[in-house]
Amino acid sequence: QMRTALTLTGDGRNGKKVFANICSNCHQYGDLGKRVGPVLTEINRKSKETLMQDILDPNAAVNTEFISHRLETTGGQIHVGIIASETDGQVTLRKMGGEEVTVPRDEIRSLTSLGTSLMMEGLEGSMTPQELADLLAFLQQGE
């Protein structure tokens, strides 16, 4: 269904708005966004087809650095994010939006790798084919 985005002419200015609304909570591109997932500095080198595949199927090729984890505290709080840092005494998770939560090891009930990207599947439901075409144009123009 979203394949039609590859045949549409994208508008990078509108794509910047799509990026700001949907992607910038976790990705940085130029001076826009937060550093949670991969920084998209060199992404403009990818083809539109590859970019679309990465956006629509984020779990196809996940760098282990960006695998999401579920942490449950002894107090019953649950946090989901990527491991930003880890020591013998504590674990810091970086959540969507860039918030970091540090939990002492003796307060962790469980810490489980979810084996998937923090980026949700199904992003195509939050945009039209034209908005995806605009996003692809923005990402390919280079920052």
C-alpha atoms as a PDB file:
ATOM      1  CA  GLN A   1       0.000   0.000   0.000  1.00  0.00           C
ATOM      2  CA  MET A   2       2.803   2.454   0.845  1.00  0.00           C
ATOM      3  CA  ARG A   3       4.782   1.411  -2.240  1.00  0.00           C
ATOM      4  CA  THR A   4       3.037   4.204  -4.137  1.00  0.00           C
ATOM      5  CA  ALA A   5       5.155   6.632  -2.093  1.00  0.00           C
ATOM      6  CA  LEU A   6       8.090   5.640  -4.309  1.00  0.00           C
ATOM      7  CA  THR A   7       6.297   6.955  -7.401  1.00  0.00           C
ATOM      8  CA  LEU A   8       5.161  10.243  -5.879  1.00  0.00           C
ATOM      9  CA  THR A   9       7.168  13.462  -5.968  1.00  0.00           C
ATOM     10  CA  GLY A  10       8.158  14.316  -2.425  1.00  0.00           C
ATOM     11  CA  ASP A  11       8.476  17.788  -0.922  1.00  0.00           C
ATOM     12  CA  GLY A  12      11.412  18.018   1.489  1.00  0.00           C
ATOM     13  CA  ARG A  13       9.867  20.958   3.378  1.00  0.00           C
ATOM     14  CA  ASN A  14       6.763  18.917   4.157  1.00  0.00           C
ATOM     15  CA  GLY A  15       8.998  15.930   4.875  1.00  0.00           C
ATOM     16  CA  LYS A  16      10.796  17.961   7.527  1.00  0.00           C
ATOM     17  CA  LYS A  17       7.437  18.478   9.249  1.00  0.00           C
ATOM     18  CA  VAL A  18       6.703  14.738   9.049  1.00  0.00           C
ATOM     19  CA  PHE A  19      10.132  14.024  10.534  1.00  0.00           C
ATOM     20  CA  ALA A  20       9.561  16.532  13.342  1.00  0.00           C
ATOM     21  CA  ASN A  21       6.154  15.022  14.177  1.00  0.00           C
ATOM     22  CA  ILE A  22       6.953  11.315  13.906  1.00  0.00           C
ATOM     23  CA  CYS A  23      10.686  10.610  13.876  1.00  0.00           C
ATOM     24  CA  SER A  24      12.386  13.318  15.942  1.00  0.00           C
ATOM     25  CA  ASN A  25      11.482  11.773  19.308  1.00  0.00           C
ATOM     26  CA  CYS A  26      14.171   9.172  18.696  1.00  0.00           C
ATOM     27  CA  HIS A  27      16.294  10.205  15.707  1.00  0.00           C
ATOM     28  CA  GLN A  28      18.529  13.169  15.083  1.00  0.00           C
ATOM     29  CA  TYR A  29      18.949  14.491  11.563  1.00  0.00           C
ATOM     30  CA  GLY A  30      21.006  17.628  11.313  1.00  0.00           C
ATOM     31  CA  ASP A  31      20.014  19.828  14.239  1.00  0.00           C
ATOM     32  CA  LEU A  32      16.506  18.365  14.488  1.00  0.00           C
ATOM     33  CA  GLY A  33      15.552  15.592  16.901  1.00  0.00           C
ATOM     34  CA  LYS A  34      16.848  13.565  19.826  1.00  0.00           C
ATOM     35  CA  ARG A  35      19.664  11.044  20.036  1.00  0.00           C
ATOM     36  CA  VAL A  36      17.913   7.858  21.130  1.00  0.00           C
ATOM     37  CA  GLY A  37      18.085   5.681  18.036  1.00  0.00           C
ATOM     38  CA  PRO A  38      20.704   5.952  15.317  1.00  0.00           C
ATOM     39  CA  VAL A  39      21.753   9.452  14.241  1.00  0.00           C
ATOM     40  CA  LEU A  40      20.757   9.809  10.587  1.00  0.00           C
ATOM     41  CA  THR A  41      23.709  11.892   9.381  1.00  0.00           C
ATOM     42  CA  GLU A  42      24.653   9.722   6.399  1.00  0.00           C
ATOM     43  CA  ILE A  43      21.177   8.421   5.587  1.00  0.00           C
ATOM     44  CA  ASN A  44      20.871  10.514   2.426  1.00  0.00           C
ATOM     45  CA  ARG A  45      23.204   8.019   0.727  1.00  0.00           C
ATOM     46  CA  LYS A  46      20.528   5.316   0.853  1.00  0.00           C
ATOM     47  CA  SER A  47      18.044   4.774  -1.949  1.00  0.00           C
ATOM     48  CA  LYS A  48      14.387   5.665  -1.452  1.00  0.00           C
ATOM     49  CA  GLU A  49      13.550   1.952  -1.549  1.00  0.00           C
ATOM     50  CA  THR A  50      16.041   1.135   1.214  1.00  0.00           C
ATOM     51  CA  LEU A  51      14.915   4.076   3.334  1.00  0.00           C
ATOM     52  CA  MET A  52      11.291   3.034   2.998  1.00  0.00           C
ATOM     53  CA  GLN A  53      12.167  -0.536   4.002  1.00  0.00           C
ATOM     54  CA  ASP A  54      14.068   0.742   7.065  1.00  0.00           C
ATOM     55  CA  ILE A  55      11.120   2.920   8.091  1.00  0.00           C
ATOM     56  CA  LEU A  56       8.383   0.351   7.547  1.00  0.00           C
ATOM     57  CA  ASP A  57      10.281  -2.693   8.867  1.00  0.00           C
ATOM     58  CA  PRO A  58      12.570  -1.392  11.621  1.00  0.00           C
ATOM     59  CA  ASN A  59      13.274  -4.891  12.959  1.00  0.00           C
ATOM     60  CA  ALA A  60      14.698  -6.247   9.699  1.00  0.00           C
ATOM     61  CA  ALA A  61      18.245  -5.146  10.586  1.00  0.00           C
ATOM     62  CA  VAL A  62      18.651  -3.791  14.112  1.00  0.00           C
ATOM     63  CA  ASN A  63      22.049  -2.732  15.405  1.00  0.00           C
ATOM     64  CA  THR A  64      22.461  -4.435  18.805  1.00  0.00           C
ATOM     65  CA  GLU A  65      23.185  -1.041  20.337  1.00  0.00           C
ATOM     66  CA  PHE A  66      19.552  -0.092  19.696  1.00  0.00           C
ATOM     67  CA  ILE A  67      17.759  -3.229  20.917  1.00  0.00           C
ATOM     68  CA  SER A  68      14.985  -2.331  23.343  1.00  0.00           C
ATOM     69  CA  HIS A  69      14.930  -3.627  26.902  1.00  0.00           C
ATOM     70  CA  ARG A  70      12.222  -3.906  29.510  1.00  0.00           C
ATOM     71  CA  LEU A  71      13.274  -3.093  33.054  1.00  0.00           C
ATOM     72  CA  GLU A  72      11.021  -3.788  36.022  1.00  0.00           C
ATOM     73  CA  THR A  73      11.938  -2.351  39.405  1.00  0.00           C
ATOM     74  CA  THR A  74      11.361  -4.015  42.746  1.00  0.00           C
ATOM     75  CA  GLY A  75       8.719  -1.313  43.295  1.00  0.00           C
ATOM     76  CA  GLY A  76       6.779  -2.450  40.214  1.00  0.00           C
ATOM     77  CA  GLN A  77       7.722   0.362  37.819  1.00  0.00           C
ATOM     78  CA  ILE A  78       8.295  -0.690  34.226  1.00  0.00           C
ATOM     79  CA  HIS A  79      10.587   1.160  31.835  1.00  0.00           C
ATOM     80  CA  VAL A  80      11.259   0.348  28.183  1.00  0.00           C
ATOM     81  CA  GLY A  81      14.244   1.767  26.324  1.00  0.00           C
ATOM     82  CA  ILE A  82      17.741   1.087  25.089  1.00  0.00           C
ATOM     83  CA  ILE A  83      20.633   0.601  27.465  1.00  0.00           C
ATOM     84  CA  ALA A  84      22.481   3.914  27.507  1.00  0.00           C
ATOM     85  CA  SER A  85      25.021   2.773  30.107  1.00  0.00           C
ATOM     86  CA  GLU A  86      25.580  -0.036  32.533  1.00  0.00           C
ATOM     87  CA  THR A  87      27.867  -0.516  35.530  1.00  0.00           C
ATOM     88  CA  ASP A  88      28.101  -3.045  38.335  1.00  0.00           C
ATOM     89  CA  GLY A  89      25.908  -0.739  40.417  1.00  0.00           C
ATOM     90  CA  GLN A  90      23.277   0.608  38.017  1.00  0.00           C
ATOM     91  CA  VAL A  91      21.612   0.532  34.614  1.00  0.00           C
ATOM     92  CA  THR A  92      20.578   3.612  32.631  1.00  0.00           C
ATOM     93  CA  LEU A  93      17.853   3.245  30.015  1.00  0.00           C
ATOM     94  CA  ARG A  94      17.216   5.860  27.345  1.00  0.00           C
ATOM     95  CA  LYS A  95      13.527   5.979  26.533  1.00  0.00           C
ATOM     96  CA  MET A  96      11.651   7.357  23.539  1.00  0.00           C
ATOM     97  CA  GLY A  97      11.871  11.128  23.631  1.00  0.00           C
ATOM     98  CA  GLY A  98      15.372  11.025  25.114  1.00  0.00           C
ATOM     99  CA  GLU A  99      14.475  10.726  28.806  1.00  0.00           C
ATOM    100  CA  GLU A 100      17.023   8.672  30.738  1.00  0.00           C
ATOM    101  CA  VAL A 101      16.177   6.583  33.781  1.00  0.00           C
ATOM    102  CA  THR A 102      18.926   5.260  36.038  1.00  0.00           C
ATOM    103  CA  VAL A 103      18.054   2.372  38.349  1.00  0.00           C
ATOM    104  CA  PRO A 104      20.387   0.900  40.970  1.00  0.00           C
ATOM    105  CA  ARG A 105      20.987  -2.828  40.362  1.00  0.00           C
ATOM    106  CA  ASP A 106      19.588  -3.752  43.789  1.00  0.00           C
ATOM    107  CA  GLU A 107      16.260  -2.167  42.735  1.00  0.00           C
ATOM    108  CA  ILE A 108      15.952  -4.166  39.495  1.00  0.00           C
ATOM    109  CA  ARG A 109      13.531  -7.086  39.593  1.00  0.00           C
ATOM    110  CA  SER A 110      14.127  -7.982  35.943  1.00  0.00           C
ATOM    111  CA  LEU A 111      15.928  -6.649  32.891  1.00  0.00           C
ATOM    112  CA  THR A 112      14.943  -8.338  29.642  1.00  0.00           C
ATOM    113  CA  SER A 113      16.030  -7.788  26.068  1.00  0.00           C
ATOM    114  CA  LEU A 114      12.964  -7.521  23.868  1.00  0.00           C
ATOM    115  CA  GLY A 115      15.020  -8.453  20.804  1.00  0.00           C
ATOM    116  CA  THR A 116      13.463  -5.697  18.719  1.00  0.00           C
ATOM    117  CA  SER A 117      14.141  -2.132  17.764  1.00  0.00           C
ATOM    118  CA  LEU A 118      12.756   0.586  20.002  1.00  0.00           C
ATOM    119  CA  MET A 119      11.246   1.947  16.775  1.00  0.00           C
ATOM    120  CA  MET A 120       7.713   0.667  16.482  1.00  0.00           C
ATOM    121  CA  GLU A 121       6.459  -1.251  13.501  1.00  0.00           C
ATOM    122  CA  GLY A 122       3.356   0.113  11.842  1.00  0.00           C
ATOM    123  CA  LEU A 123       4.535   3.686  11.299  1.00  0.00           C
ATOM    124  CA  GLU A 124       2.836   3.540   7.920  1.00  0.00           C
ATOM    125  CA  GLY A 125      -0.451   3.847   9.809  1.00  0.00           C
ATOM    126  CA  SER A 126       0.568   7.302  11.008  1.00  0.00           C
ATOM    127  CA  MET A 127       1.213   8.797   7.569  1.00  0.00           C
ATOM    128  CA  THR A 128      -0.180   8.879   4.062  1.00  0.00           C
ATOM    129  CA  PRO A 129       1.811   7.720   1.009  1.00  0.00           C
ATOM    130  CA  GLN A 130       2.368  11.419   0.145  1.00  0.00           C
ATOM    131  CA  GLU A 131       3.732  12.133   3.637  1.00  0.00           C
ATOM    132  CA  LEU A 132       6.081   9.148   3.304  1.00  0.00           C
ATOM    133  CA  ALA A 133       7.215  10.453  -0.105  1.00  0.00           C
ATOM    134  CA  ASP A 134       7.830  13.854   1.518  1.00  0.00           C
ATOM    135  CA  LEU A 135       9.769  12.234   4.379  1.00  0.00           C
ATOM    136  CA  LEU A 136      11.915  10.273   1.926  1.00  0.00           C
ATOM    137  CA  ALA A 137      12.625  13.506  -0.004  1.00  0.00           C
ATOM    138  CA  PHE A 138      13.656  15.249   3.219  1.00  0.00           C
ATOM    139  CA  LEU A 139      15.944  12.411   4.282  1.00  0.00           C
ATOM    140  CA  GLN A 140      17.590  12.245   0.879  1.00  0.00           C
ATOM    141  CA  GLN A 141      18.289  15.959   0.534  1.00  0.00           C
ATOM    142  CA  GLY A 142      21.096  15.860   3.115  1.00  0.00           C
ATOM    143  CA  GLU A 143      21.475  18.126   6.115  1.00  0.00           C
END
